Amino acid sequence: MKKWILPIVVIILLVLWGVNVKNTSVDLNEDVNEAWGNVQTSYQRRNDLIGNLVNTVKGAADFEKSTLEAVVKARAQATKPEININNADDLSPESLEKFNQAQSGLSSALSRLLLVVEKYPDLKANQNFLKLQDELTSTENTIQTARTRYNEAIKPYNQYVQKAPQSLMTGILGYDEKPYYDADAGAEKPVDVEFDFGK
């Protein structure tokens, strides 16, 4: 009878350890999912604001059509179903890179739109446009905060699922490392700023 006690105790301890690893993995994964949901919500708000901004700018009769079309096209690309990752569990380095590229394309097109607006004093004085521009700036800050918080949620998750001995169990349970949200491609390059006061 006594020779069975030790194996039973070991089995019970292993089961308790496995349950603890599973529960901790679930908790950390849910933190990541929540953080990713906040990133998605922030980008959705930006997309909604861009639609309103484009409609407001369309009111300027002689506004450059190509600039508006570029924004509309970039917005459509950024919200494509195959790029729009709804669940952090579906994230891979490749899918996150694709998502990030689409969002960067939209940011670039939006920047060009706002630069072109400088040529239209009536549009710059439009209260609706100014309000949308302020909301867009605020949303960009929210996106940055959400991306930072996502990375903060990823770190303890990745550390937990990769460290021994729980990595033996997390691999079996399907809790794999998740990618961090990196800076946009080319963000490490210095920006050339030129001031031409002669104009």
N, C-alpha and C. Protein backbone atom coordinates (compact mmCIF):
# COMPACT_ATOMS: atom_id res chain seq x y z
N MET A 1 0.82 -1.21 0.00
CA MET A 1 0.00 0.00 0.00
C MET A 1 0.86 1.26 0.00
N LYS A 2 1.94 1.24 0.81
CA LYS A 2 2.79 2.41 0.91
C LYS A 2 3.53 2.70 -0.39
N LYS A 3 3.82 1.65 -1.17
CA LYS A 3 4.55 1.88 -2.42
C LYS A 3 3.69 2.63 -3.45
N TRP A 4 2.37 2.66 -3.31
CA TRP A 4 1.48 3.38 -4.20
C TRP A 4 1.28 4.83 -3.78
N ILE A 5 1.61 5.14 -2.56
CA ILE A 5 1.36 6.51 -2.06
C ILE A 5 2.22 7.53 -2.81
N LEU A 6 3.50 7.24 -2.96
CA LEU A 6 4.41 8.19 -3.62
C LEU A 6 3.99 8.45 -5.07
N PRO A 7 3.72 7.42 -5.90
CA PRO A 7 3.27 7.70 -7.26
C PRO A 7 1.96 8.48 -7.31
N ILE A 8 1.04 8.19 -6.40
CA ILE A 8 -0.24 8.91 -6.37
C ILE A 8 -0.01 10.37 -6.01
N VAL A 9 0.84 10.64 -5.03
CA VAL A 9 1.16 12.01 -4.64
C VAL A 9 1.82 12.75 -5.80
N VAL A 10 2.74 12.07 -6.51
CA VAL A 10 3.42 12.69 -7.65
C VAL A 10 2.40 13.02 -8.75
N ILE A 11 1.49 12.09 -9.02
CA ILE A 11 0.46 12.33 -10.04
C ILE A 11 -0.43 13.49 -9.65
N ILE A 12 -0.86 13.53 -8.38
CA ILE A 12 -1.70 14.62 -7.91
C ILE A 12 -0.97 15.96 -8.04
N LEU A 13 0.32 15.99 -7.68
CA LEU A 13 1.11 17.23 -7.79
C LEU A 13 1.25 17.66 -9.25
N LEU A 14 1.47 16.70 -10.15
CA LEU A 14 1.59 17.02 -11.58
C LEU A 14 0.28 17.57 -12.13
N VAL A 15 -0.84 16.97 -11.72
CA VAL A 15 -2.14 17.45 -12.17
C VAL A 15 -2.39 18.86 -11.65
N LEU A 16 -2.09 19.11 -10.37
CA LEU A 16 -2.27 20.45 -9.80
C LEU A 16 -1.37 21.46 -10.50
N TRP A 17 -0.15 21.06 -10.80
CA TRP A 17 0.77 21.95 -11.52
C TRP A 17 0.22 22.25 -12.91
N GLY A 18 -0.27 21.21 -13.61
CA GLY A 18 -0.84 21.39 -14.95
C GLY A 18 -2.04 22.32 -14.93
N VAL A 19 -2.90 22.17 -13.93
CA VAL A 19 -4.06 23.05 -13.80
C VAL A 19 -3.62 24.49 -13.55
N ASN A 20 -2.60 24.67 -12.73
CA ASN A 20 -2.08 26.00 -12.44
C ASN A 20 -1.49 26.64 -13.70
N VAL A 21 -0.73 25.86 -14.47
CA VAL A 21 -0.15 26.37 -15.71
C VAL A 21 -1.25 26.77 -16.68
N LYS A 22 -2.26 25.92 -16.82
CA LYS A 22 -3.39 26.21 -17.72
C LYS A 22 -4.11 27.50 -17.28
N ASN A 23 -4.42 27.61 -16.00
CA ASN A 23 -5.15 28.78 -15.50
C ASN A 23 -4.34 30.06 -15.66
N THR A 24 -3.05 30.01 -15.39
CA THR A 24 -2.20 31.18 -15.54
C THR A 24 -2.09 31.57 -17.01
N SER A 25 -1.97 30.57 -17.88
CA SER A 25 -1.89 30.83 -19.32
C SER A 25 -3.17 31.48 -19.82
N VAL A 26 -4.31 30.99 -19.35
CA VAL A 26 -5.60 31.58 -19.74
C VAL A 26 -5.68 33.03 -19.28
N ASP A 27 -5.31 33.29 -18.03
CA ASP A 27 -5.36 34.66 -17.51
C ASP A 27 -4.49 35.60 -18.32
N LEU A 28 -3.26 35.19 -18.59
CA LEU A 28 -2.34 36.05 -19.34
C LEU A 28 -2.80 36.22 -20.79
N ASN A 29 -3.34 35.15 -21.38
CA ASN A 29 -3.84 35.23 -22.75
C ASN A 29 -5.04 36.17 -22.84
N GLU A 30 -5.89 36.16 -21.83
CA GLU A 30 -7.04 37.06 -21.82
C GLU A 30 -6.59 38.52 -21.68
N ASP A 31 -5.53 38.76 -20.93
CA ASP A 31 -4.98 40.12 -20.85
C ASP A 31 -4.51 40.59 -22.22
N VAL A 32 -3.87 39.67 -22.97
CA VAL A 32 -3.42 40.00 -24.33
C VAL A 32 -4.61 40.26 -25.23
N ASN A 33 -5.64 39.41 -25.15
CA ASN A 33 -6.84 39.59 -25.97
C ASN A 33 -7.51 40.93 -25.68
N GLU A 34 -7.58 41.30 -24.41
CA GLU A 34 -8.18 42.58 -24.04
C GLU A 34 -7.37 43.74 -24.62
N ALA A 35 -6.05 43.65 -24.49
CA ALA A 35 -5.18 44.72 -25.01
C ALA A 35 -5.31 44.82 -26.54
N TRP A 36 -5.38 43.67 -27.22
CA TRP A 36 -5.53 43.70 -28.67
C TRP A 36 -6.89 44.26 -29.06
N GLY A 37 -7.92 43.94 -28.30
CA GLY A 37 -9.24 44.51 -28.54
C GLY A 37 -9.22 46.03 -28.45
N ASN A 38 -8.45 46.55 -27.52
CA ASN A 38 -8.32 48.01 -27.38
C ASN A 38 -7.60 48.62 -28.58
N VAL A 39 -6.61 47.90 -29.12
CA VAL A 39 -5.93 48.37 -30.33
C VAL A 39 -6.93 48.42 -31.48
N GLN A 40 -7.70 47.34 -31.63
CA GLN A 40 -8.70 47.27 -32.71
C GLN A 40 -9.75 48.37 -32.58
N THR A 41 -10.21 48.61 -31.36
CA THR A 41 -11.21 49.65 -31.12
C THR A 41 -10.67 51.03 -31.50
N SER A 42 -9.42 51.29 -31.17
CA SER A 42 -8.80 52.58 -31.50
C SER A 42 -8.70 52.76 -33.02
N TYR A 43 -8.27 51.70 -33.71
CA TYR A 43 -8.18 51.80 -35.17
C TYR A 43 -9.57 51.95 -35.80
N GLN A 44 -10.57 51.28 -35.23
CA GLN A 44 -11.93 51.42 -35.76
C GLN A 44 -12.42 52.86 -35.61
N ARG A 45 -12.11 53.47 -34.47
CA ARG A 45 -12.51 54.87 -34.27
C ARG A 45 -11.84 55.76 -35.30
N ARG A 46 -10.56 55.51 -35.57
CA ARG A 46 -9.86 56.30 -36.58
C ARG A 46 -10.52 56.12 -37.95
N ASN A 47 -10.85 54.89 -38.30
CA ASN A 47 -11.49 54.64 -39.60
C ASN A 47 -12.83 55.36 -39.72
N ASP A 48 -13.60 55.36 -38.63
CA ASP A 48 -14.88 56.08 -38.64
C ASP A 48 -14.66 57.58 -38.82
N LEU A 49 -13.68 58.12 -38.12
CA LEU A 49 -13.39 59.56 -38.24
C LEU A 49 -12.91 59.92 -39.64
N ILE A 50 -12.12 59.05 -40.24
CA ILE A 50 -11.60 59.33 -41.58
C ILE A 50 -12.75 59.41 -42.58
N GLY A 51 -13.75 58.53 -42.43
CA GLY A 51 -14.91 58.59 -43.31
C GLY A 51 -15.61 59.94 -43.21
N ASN A 52 -15.78 60.42 -41.98
CA ASN A 52 -16.41 61.74 -41.78
C ASN A 52 -15.54 62.86 -42.32
N LEU A 53 -14.23 62.73 -42.13
CA LEU A 53 -13.29 63.75 -42.61
C LEU A 53 -13.32 63.84 -44.13
N VAL A 54 -13.32 62.68 -44.79
CA VAL A 54 -13.36 62.65 -46.26
C VAL A 54 -14.65 63.29 -46.76
N ASN A 55 -15.77 63.00 -46.12
CA ASN A 55 -17.05 63.59 -46.54
C ASN A 55 -17.05 65.11 -46.35
N THR A 56 -16.42 65.57 -45.30
CA THR A 56 -16.33 67.02 -45.07
C THR A 56 -15.46 67.68 -46.13
N VAL A 57 -14.35 67.05 -46.45
CA VAL A 57 -13.41 67.60 -47.44
C VAL A 57 -14.03 67.59 -48.83
N LYS A 58 -14.87 66.60 -49.12
CA LYS A 58 -15.52 66.53 -50.45
C LYS A 58 -16.31 67.79 -50.74
N GLY A 59 -16.74 68.49 -49.70
CA GLY A 59 -17.50 69.72 -49.87
C GLY A 59 -16.71 70.84 -50.50
N ALA A 60 -15.39 70.75 -50.43
CA ALA A 60 -14.55 71.77 -51.07
C ALA A 60 -14.54 71.47 -52.56
N ALA A 61 -15.20 72.29 -53.34
CA ALA A 61 -15.49 71.99 -54.74
C ALA A 61 -14.25 71.64 -55.57
N ASP A 62 -13.17 72.35 -55.37
CA ASP A 62 -12.01 72.13 -56.22
C ASP A 62 -10.92 71.31 -55.52
N PHE A 63 -11.30 70.56 -54.48
CA PHE A 63 -10.30 69.79 -53.74
C PHE A 63 -9.74 68.68 -54.63
N GLU A 64 -8.46 68.40 -54.52
CA GLU A 64 -7.81 67.38 -55.34
C GLU A 64 -8.47 66.02 -55.18
N LYS A 65 -9.05 65.55 -56.26
CA LYS A 65 -9.77 64.27 -56.25
C LYS A 65 -8.82 63.10 -55.98
N SER A 66 -7.63 63.16 -56.52
CA SER A 66 -6.68 62.05 -56.35
C SER A 66 -6.28 61.86 -54.89
N THR A 67 -6.19 62.95 -54.15
CA THR A 67 -5.83 62.86 -52.73
C THR A 67 -6.94 62.16 -51.96
N LEU A 68 -8.18 62.54 -52.23
CA LEU A 68 -9.31 61.89 -51.56
C LEU A 68 -9.40 60.41 -51.93
N GLU A 69 -9.18 60.11 -53.20
CA GLU A 69 -9.24 58.71 -53.65
C GLU A 69 -8.17 57.87 -52.97
N ALA A 70 -6.98 58.45 -52.77
CA ALA A 70 -5.90 57.72 -52.10
C ALA A 70 -6.27 57.39 -50.66
N VAL A 71 -6.92 58.33 -49.97
CA VAL A 71 -7.34 58.09 -48.59
C VAL A 71 -8.41 57.01 -48.54
N VAL A 72 -9.40 57.12 -49.43
CA VAL A 72 -10.49 56.15 -49.46
C VAL A 72 -9.94 54.75 -49.77
N LYS A 73 -9.02 54.67 -50.72
CA LYS A 73 -8.42 53.37 -51.08
C LYS A 73 -7.61 52.81 -49.91
N ALA A 74 -6.83 53.63 -49.26
CA ALA A 74 -6.01 53.18 -48.12
C ALA A 74 -6.90 52.74 -46.96
N ARG A 75 -8.01 53.45 -46.76
CA ARG A 75 -8.95 53.07 -45.69
C ARG A 75 -9.57 51.71 -45.99
N ALA A 76 -9.95 51.49 -47.24
CA ALA A 76 -10.52 50.19 -47.63
C ALA A 76 -9.49 49.07 -47.45
N GLN A 77 -8.25 49.35 -47.79
CA GLN A 77 -7.18 48.34 -47.63
C GLN A 77 -6.96 48.02 -46.15
N ALA A 78 -7.02 49.04 -45.30
CA ALA A 78 -6.75 48.85 -43.87
C ALA A 78 -7.86 48.08 -43.17
N THR A 79 -9.05 48.05 -43.77
CA THR A 79 -10.18 47.36 -43.13
C THR A 79 -10.55 46.07 -43.85
N LYS A 80 -9.69 45.58 -44.73
CA LYS A 80 -9.95 44.32 -45.43
C LYS A 80 -10.08 43.19 -44.41
N PRO A 81 -11.02 42.28 -44.64
CA PRO A 81 -11.21 41.17 -43.68
C PRO A 81 -9.97 40.31 -43.48
N GLU A 82 -9.19 40.08 -44.55
CA GLU A 82 -8.01 39.23 -44.38
C GLU A 82 -6.87 39.92 -43.63
N ILE A 83 -6.95 41.24 -43.48
CA ILE A 83 -5.94 41.97 -42.72
C ILE A 83 -6.44 42.28 -41.32
N ASN A 84 -7.73 42.51 -41.19
CA ASN A 84 -8.32 42.90 -39.91
C ASN A 84 -8.32 41.71 -38.95
N ILE A 85 -7.36 41.64 -38.08
CA ILE A 85 -7.20 40.54 -37.15
C ILE A 85 -8.07 40.83 -35.93
N ASN A 86 -9.15 40.08 -35.79
CA ASN A 86 -10.11 40.36 -34.73
C ASN A 86 -9.74 39.74 -33.39
N ASN A 87 -8.87 38.77 -33.38
CA ASN A 87 -8.57 38.05 -32.15
C ASN A 87 -7.07 37.95 -31.99
N ALA A 88 -6.59 38.24 -30.81
CA ALA A 88 -5.14 38.16 -30.57
C ALA A 88 -4.62 36.73 -30.72
N ASP A 89 -5.51 35.74 -30.58
CA ASP A 89 -5.08 34.35 -30.77
C ASP A 89 -4.68 34.09 -32.22
N ASP A 90 -5.21 34.88 -33.16
CA ASP A 90 -4.90 34.70 -34.57
C ASP A 90 -3.65 35.46 -35.01
N LEU A 91 -3.03 36.15 -34.09
CA LEU A 91 -1.86 36.95 -34.44
C LEU A 91 -0.65 36.07 -34.72
N SER A 92 0.02 36.42 -35.78
CA SER A 92 1.32 35.83 -36.09
C SER A 92 2.19 37.01 -36.50
N PRO A 93 3.50 36.84 -36.50
CA PRO A 93 4.35 37.95 -36.95
C PRO A 93 3.97 38.43 -38.35
N GLU A 94 3.61 37.49 -39.24
CA GLU A 94 3.28 37.84 -40.61
C GLU A 94 1.96 38.63 -40.68
N SER A 95 0.94 38.13 -39.96
CA SER A 95 -0.36 38.81 -40.02
C SER A 95 -0.29 40.18 -39.35
N LEU A 96 0.48 40.29 -38.28
CA LEU A 96 0.63 41.58 -37.62
C LEU A 96 1.38 42.56 -38.52
N GLU A 97 2.37 42.07 -39.24
CA GLU A 97 3.12 42.91 -40.18
C GLU A 97 2.22 43.41 -41.31
N LYS A 98 1.38 42.52 -41.82
CA LYS A 98 0.44 42.89 -42.88
C LYS A 98 -0.55 43.94 -42.38
N PHE A 99 -1.05 43.74 -41.19
CA PHE A 99 -1.97 44.69 -40.57
C PHE A 99 -1.29 46.04 -40.38
N ASN A 100 -0.06 46.01 -39.86
CA ASN A 100 0.69 47.23 -39.60
C ASN A 100 0.98 47.99 -40.90
N GLN A 101 1.31 47.27 -41.97
CA GLN A 101 1.57 47.92 -43.26
C GLN A 101 0.32 48.63 -43.79
N ALA A 102 -0.83 47.96 -43.64
CA ALA A 102 -2.08 48.57 -44.11
C ALA A 102 -2.39 49.83 -43.31
N GLN A 103 -2.19 49.77 -41.99
CA GLN A 103 -2.45 50.95 -41.16
C GLN A 103 -1.47 52.07 -41.46
N SER A 104 -0.22 51.71 -41.75
CA SER A 104 0.79 52.72 -42.11
C SER A 104 0.43 53.39 -43.42
N GLY A 105 -0.08 52.60 -44.38
CA GLY A 105 -0.50 53.17 -45.66
C GLY A 105 -1.63 54.17 -45.47
N LEU A 106 -2.55 53.85 -44.57
CA LEU A 106 -3.65 54.77 -44.29
C LEU A 106 -3.13 56.03 -43.60
N SER A 107 -2.21 55.87 -42.65
CA SER A 107 -1.63 57.04 -41.97
C SER A 107 -0.93 57.95 -42.96
N SER A 108 -0.21 57.35 -43.91
CA SER A 108 0.51 58.14 -44.91
C SER A 108 -0.45 58.90 -45.81
N ALA A 109 -1.51 58.22 -46.27
CA ALA A 109 -2.50 58.89 -47.13
C ALA A 109 -3.20 60.00 -46.37
N LEU A 110 -3.49 59.76 -45.10
CA LEU A 110 -4.16 60.77 -44.28
C LEU A 110 -3.25 61.98 -44.08
N SER A 111 -1.97 61.75 -43.88
CA SER A 111 -1.01 62.85 -43.73
C SER A 111 -0.98 63.72 -44.98
N ARG A 112 -0.99 63.06 -46.15
CA ARG A 112 -1.00 63.81 -47.41
C ARG A 112 -2.28 64.65 -47.53
N LEU A 113 -3.41 64.07 -47.12
CA LEU A 113 -4.67 64.80 -47.16
C LEU A 113 -4.59 66.05 -46.30
N LEU A 114 -4.08 65.91 -45.09
CA LEU A 114 -4.02 67.06 -44.18
C LEU A 114 -3.04 68.11 -44.66
N LEU A 115 -1.99 67.71 -45.37
CA LEU A 115 -1.06 68.69 -45.95
C LEU A 115 -1.73 69.47 -47.08
N VAL A 116 -2.50 68.77 -47.92
CA VAL A 116 -3.17 69.43 -49.04
C VAL A 116 -4.22 70.41 -48.54
N VAL A 117 -4.85 70.10 -47.41
CA VAL A 117 -5.88 70.97 -46.83
C VAL A 117 -5.34 72.37 -46.56
N GLU A 118 -4.04 72.48 -46.32
CA GLU A 118 -3.43 73.78 -46.04
C GLU A 118 -3.67 74.79 -47.16
N LYS A 119 -3.91 74.28 -48.38
CA LYS A 119 -4.13 75.17 -49.52
C LYS A 119 -5.56 75.73 -49.58
N TYR A 120 -6.42 75.27 -48.69
CA TYR A 120 -7.84 75.62 -48.74
C TYR A 120 -8.25 76.35 -47.47
N PRO A 121 -8.15 77.69 -47.47
CA PRO A 121 -8.46 78.45 -46.26
C PRO A 121 -9.91 78.27 -45.78
N ASP A 122 -10.86 78.13 -46.71
CA ASP A 122 -12.25 77.93 -46.30
C ASP A 122 -12.41 76.61 -45.54
N LEU A 123 -11.73 75.59 -46.04
CA LEU A 123 -11.80 74.28 -45.40
C LEU A 123 -11.11 74.30 -44.04
N LYS A 124 -9.98 75.01 -43.97
CA LYS A 124 -9.26 75.12 -42.69
C LYS A 124 -10.08 75.86 -41.65
N ALA A 125 -10.99 76.71 -42.09
CA ALA A 125 -11.83 77.47 -41.15
C ALA A 125 -13.15 76.75 -40.84
N ASN A 126 -13.43 75.66 -41.54
CA ASN A 126 -14.66 74.89 -41.33
C ASN A 126 -14.63 74.25 -39.95
N GLN A 127 -15.60 74.60 -39.10
CA GLN A 127 -15.61 74.11 -37.71
C GLN A 127 -15.75 72.59 -37.63
N ASN A 128 -16.53 72.02 -38.53
CA ASN A 128 -16.69 70.57 -38.55
C ASN A 128 -15.36 69.89 -38.86
N PHE A 129 -14.66 70.44 -39.86
CA PHE A 129 -13.35 69.90 -40.22
C PHE A 129 -12.36 70.02 -39.06
N LEU A 130 -12.33 71.19 -38.43
CA LEU A 130 -11.41 71.40 -37.31
C LEU A 130 -11.70 70.45 -36.16
N LYS A 131 -12.99 70.22 -35.89
CA LYS A 131 -13.36 69.29 -34.82
C LYS A 131 -12.92 67.87 -35.17
N LEU A 132 -13.15 67.45 -36.41
CA LEU A 132 -12.72 66.11 -36.84
C LEU A 132 -11.21 65.97 -36.78
N GLN A 133 -10.50 67.03 -37.16
CA GLN A 133 -9.04 67.00 -37.12
C GLN A 133 -8.54 66.85 -35.68
N ASP A 134 -9.16 67.55 -34.74
CA ASP A 134 -8.80 67.41 -33.32
C ASP A 134 -9.09 66.00 -32.81
N GLU A 135 -10.26 65.48 -33.19
CA GLU A 135 -10.62 64.13 -32.75
C GLU A 135 -9.66 63.10 -33.33
N LEU A 136 -9.24 63.31 -34.57
CA LEU A 136 -8.30 62.40 -35.22
C LEU A 136 -6.95 62.43 -34.50
N THR A 137 -6.49 63.60 -34.13
CA THR A 137 -5.23 63.72 -33.38
C THR A 137 -5.33 62.99 -32.05
N SER A 138 -6.45 63.18 -31.36
CA SER A 138 -6.67 62.49 -30.09
C SER A 138 -6.70 60.98 -30.28
N THR A 139 -7.34 60.53 -31.37
CA THR A 139 -7.42 59.10 -31.64
C THR A 139 -6.05 58.52 -31.96
N GLU A 140 -5.22 59.26 -32.67
CA GLU A 140 -3.86 58.78 -32.96
C GLU A 140 -3.09 58.56 -31.66
N ASN A 141 -3.28 59.47 -30.70
CA ASN A 141 -2.64 59.29 -29.39
C ASN A 141 -3.19 58.06 -28.67
N THR A 142 -4.49 57.84 -28.80
CA THR A 142 -5.11 56.66 -28.19
C THR A 142 -4.57 55.38 -28.82
N ILE A 143 -4.38 55.39 -30.13
CA ILE A 143 -3.82 54.22 -30.83
C ILE A 143 -2.42 53.92 -30.30
N GLN A 144 -1.61 54.96 -30.16
CA GLN A 144 -0.25 54.75 -29.64
C GLN A 144 -0.29 54.15 -28.24
N THR A 145 -1.18 54.66 -27.39
CA THR A 145 -1.30 54.14 -26.03
C THR A 145 -1.77 52.69 -26.06
N ALA A 146 -2.74 52.38 -26.91
CA ALA A 146 -3.26 51.01 -27.00
C ALA A 146 -2.18 50.05 -27.49
N ARG A 147 -1.38 50.48 -28.47
CA ARG A 147 -0.29 49.63 -28.96
C ARG A 147 0.74 49.38 -27.86
N THR A 148 1.05 50.41 -27.09
CA THR A 148 2.01 50.26 -25.99
C THR A 148 1.47 49.30 -24.94
N ARG A 149 0.20 49.44 -24.60
CA ARG A 149 -0.40 48.55 -23.60
C ARG A 149 -0.50 47.12 -24.11
N TYR A 150 -0.70 46.96 -25.39
CA TYR A 150 -0.70 45.61 -25.98
C TYR A 150 0.67 44.97 -25.77
N ASN A 151 1.73 45.71 -26.09
CA ASN A 151 3.08 45.18 -25.88
C ASN A 151 3.34 44.88 -24.41
N GLU A 152 2.81 45.72 -23.52
CA GLU A 152 2.99 45.47 -22.09
C GLU A 152 2.27 44.19 -21.66
N ALA A 153 1.15 43.87 -22.29
CA ALA A 153 0.42 42.64 -21.96
C ALA A 153 1.11 41.41 -22.57
N ILE A 154 1.77 41.61 -23.71
CA ILE A 154 2.46 40.51 -24.38
C ILE A 154 3.66 40.02 -23.58
N LYS A 155 4.40 40.94 -22.96
CA LYS A 155 5.64 40.56 -22.29
C LYS A 155 5.46 39.49 -21.22
N PRO A 156 4.56 39.66 -20.22
CA PRO A 156 4.43 38.60 -19.22
C PRO A 156 3.88 37.31 -19.81
N TYR A 157 3.02 37.42 -20.81
CA TYR A 157 2.50 36.22 -21.47
C TYR A 157 3.64 35.44 -22.13
N ASN A 158 4.43 36.13 -22.98
CA ASN A 158 5.52 35.47 -23.68
C ASN A 158 6.54 34.89 -22.70
N GLN A 159 6.86 35.64 -21.65
CA GLN A 159 7.81 35.13 -20.66
C GLN A 159 7.28 33.85 -20.02
N TYR A 160 6.01 33.85 -19.69
CA TYR A 160 5.43 32.69 -19.01
C TYR A 160 5.41 31.46 -19.91
N VAL A 161 4.94 31.61 -21.15
CA VAL A 161 4.81 30.43 -22.01
C VAL A 161 6.14 29.92 -22.53
N GLN A 162 7.21 30.71 -22.45
CA GLN A 162 8.51 30.27 -22.94
C GLN A 162 9.43 29.71 -21.87
N LYS A 163 9.16 30.06 -20.60
CA LYS A 163 10.06 29.63 -19.53
C LYS A 163 9.78 28.19 -19.13
N ALA A 164 10.87 27.49 -18.79
CA ALA A 164 10.75 26.13 -18.26
C ALA A 164 10.38 26.23 -16.79
N PRO A 165 9.66 25.30 -16.25
CA PRO A 165 9.18 24.07 -16.88
C PRO A 165 7.81 24.21 -17.52
N GLN A 166 7.11 25.33 -17.31
CA GLN A 166 5.74 25.44 -17.83
C GLN A 166 5.69 25.44 -19.34
N SER A 167 6.81 25.74 -20.02
CA SER A 167 6.82 25.71 -21.49
C SER A 167 6.49 24.32 -22.02
N LEU A 168 6.80 23.28 -21.23
CA LEU A 168 6.44 21.92 -21.64
C LEU A 168 4.92 21.79 -21.74
N MET A 169 4.23 22.36 -20.78
CA MET A 169 2.77 22.26 -20.74
C MET A 169 2.12 23.27 -21.67
N THR A 170 2.63 24.49 -21.75
CA THR A 170 1.98 25.51 -22.59
C THR A 170 2.07 25.13 -24.07
N GLY A 171 3.15 24.50 -24.47
CA GLY A 171 3.27 24.03 -25.84
C GLY A 171 2.21 23.00 -26.18
N ILE A 172 1.98 22.08 -25.27
CA ILE A 172 0.96 21.05 -25.46
C ILE A 172 -0.43 21.68 -25.51
N LEU A 173 -0.66 22.69 -24.67
CA LEU A 173 -1.97 23.35 -24.59
C LEU A 173 -2.21 24.34 -25.73
N GLY A 174 -1.17 24.63 -26.52
CA GLY A 174 -1.34 25.52 -27.67
C GLY A 174 -1.13 27.00 -27.36
N TYR A 175 -0.47 27.30 -26.26
CA TYR A 175 -0.18 28.69 -25.93
C TYR A 175 1.21 29.02 -26.45
N ASP A 176 1.24 29.62 -27.64
CA ASP A 176 2.51 29.94 -28.28
C ASP A 176 2.85 31.41 -28.08
N GLU A 177 4.12 31.72 -28.33
CA GLU A 177 4.59 33.11 -28.24
C GLU A 177 3.80 33.98 -29.21
N LYS A 178 3.52 35.21 -28.80
CA LYS A 178 2.80 36.17 -29.64
C LYS A 178 3.74 37.31 -30.04
N PRO A 179 3.50 37.90 -31.22
CA PRO A 179 4.40 38.97 -31.69
C PRO A 179 4.11 40.30 -31.00
N TYR A 180 5.16 41.07 -30.83
CA TYR A 180 5.03 42.44 -30.33
C TYR A 180 4.61 43.34 -31.48
N TYR A 181 4.00 44.45 -31.14
CA TYR A 181 3.66 45.46 -32.13
C TYR A 181 4.88 46.34 -32.31
N ASP A 182 5.53 46.22 -33.46
CA ASP A 182 6.76 46.99 -33.73
C ASP A 182 6.43 48.33 -34.35
N ALA A 183 7.43 49.17 -34.41
CA ALA A 183 7.29 50.47 -35.06
C ALA A 183 7.08 50.27 -36.55
N ASP A 184 6.53 51.26 -37.20
CA ASP A 184 6.34 51.20 -38.64
C ASP A 184 7.69 51.07 -39.32
N ALA A 185 7.69 50.40 -40.47
CA ALA A 185 8.92 50.24 -41.24
C ALA A 185 9.47 51.62 -41.60
N GLY A 186 10.74 51.82 -41.36
CA GLY A 186 11.39 53.09 -41.68
C GLY A 186 11.32 54.11 -40.56
N ALA A 187 10.65 53.76 -39.45
CA ALA A 187 10.50 54.73 -38.36
C ALA A 187 11.83 55.04 -37.69
N GLU A 188 12.80 54.14 -37.88
CA GLU A 188 14.10 54.36 -37.24
C GLU A 188 14.95 55.39 -37.98
N LYS A 189 14.54 55.74 -39.21
CA LYS A 189 15.31 56.70 -40.01
C LYS A 189 14.99 58.12 -39.56
N PRO A 190 16.01 58.98 -39.52
CA PRO A 190 15.75 60.37 -39.13
C PRO A 190 14.92 61.09 -40.18
N VAL A 191 14.11 62.01 -39.72
CA VAL A 191 13.27 62.79 -40.62
C VAL A 191 14.03 64.03 -41.06
N ASP A 192 14.02 64.28 -42.38
CA ASP A 192 14.66 65.48 -42.91
C ASP A 192 13.68 66.64 -42.77
N VAL A 193 14.09 67.64 -42.07
CA VAL A 193 13.25 68.83 -41.91
C VAL A 193 13.96 70.00 -42.54
N GLU A 194 13.24 70.64 -43.47
CA GLU A 194 13.82 71.80 -44.16
C GLU A 194 12.93 73.00 -43.94
N PHE A 195 13.52 74.11 -43.59
CA PHE A 195 12.78 75.34 -43.44
C PHE A 195 13.21 76.28 -44.56
N ASP A 196 12.22 76.69 -45.34
CA ASP A 196 12.50 77.63 -46.41
C ASP A 196 11.72 78.90 -46.11
N PHE A 197 12.38 79.82 -45.41
CA PHE A 197 11.71 81.04 -44.99
C PHE A 197 11.58 82.05 -46.11
N GLY A 198 12.19 81.75 -47.26
CA GLY A 198 12.12 82.65 -48.39
C GLY A 198 10.77 82.62 -49.10
N LYS A 199 9.97 81.56 -48.86
CA LYS A 199 8.69 81.42 -49.55
C LYS A 199 7.60 82.11 -48.80
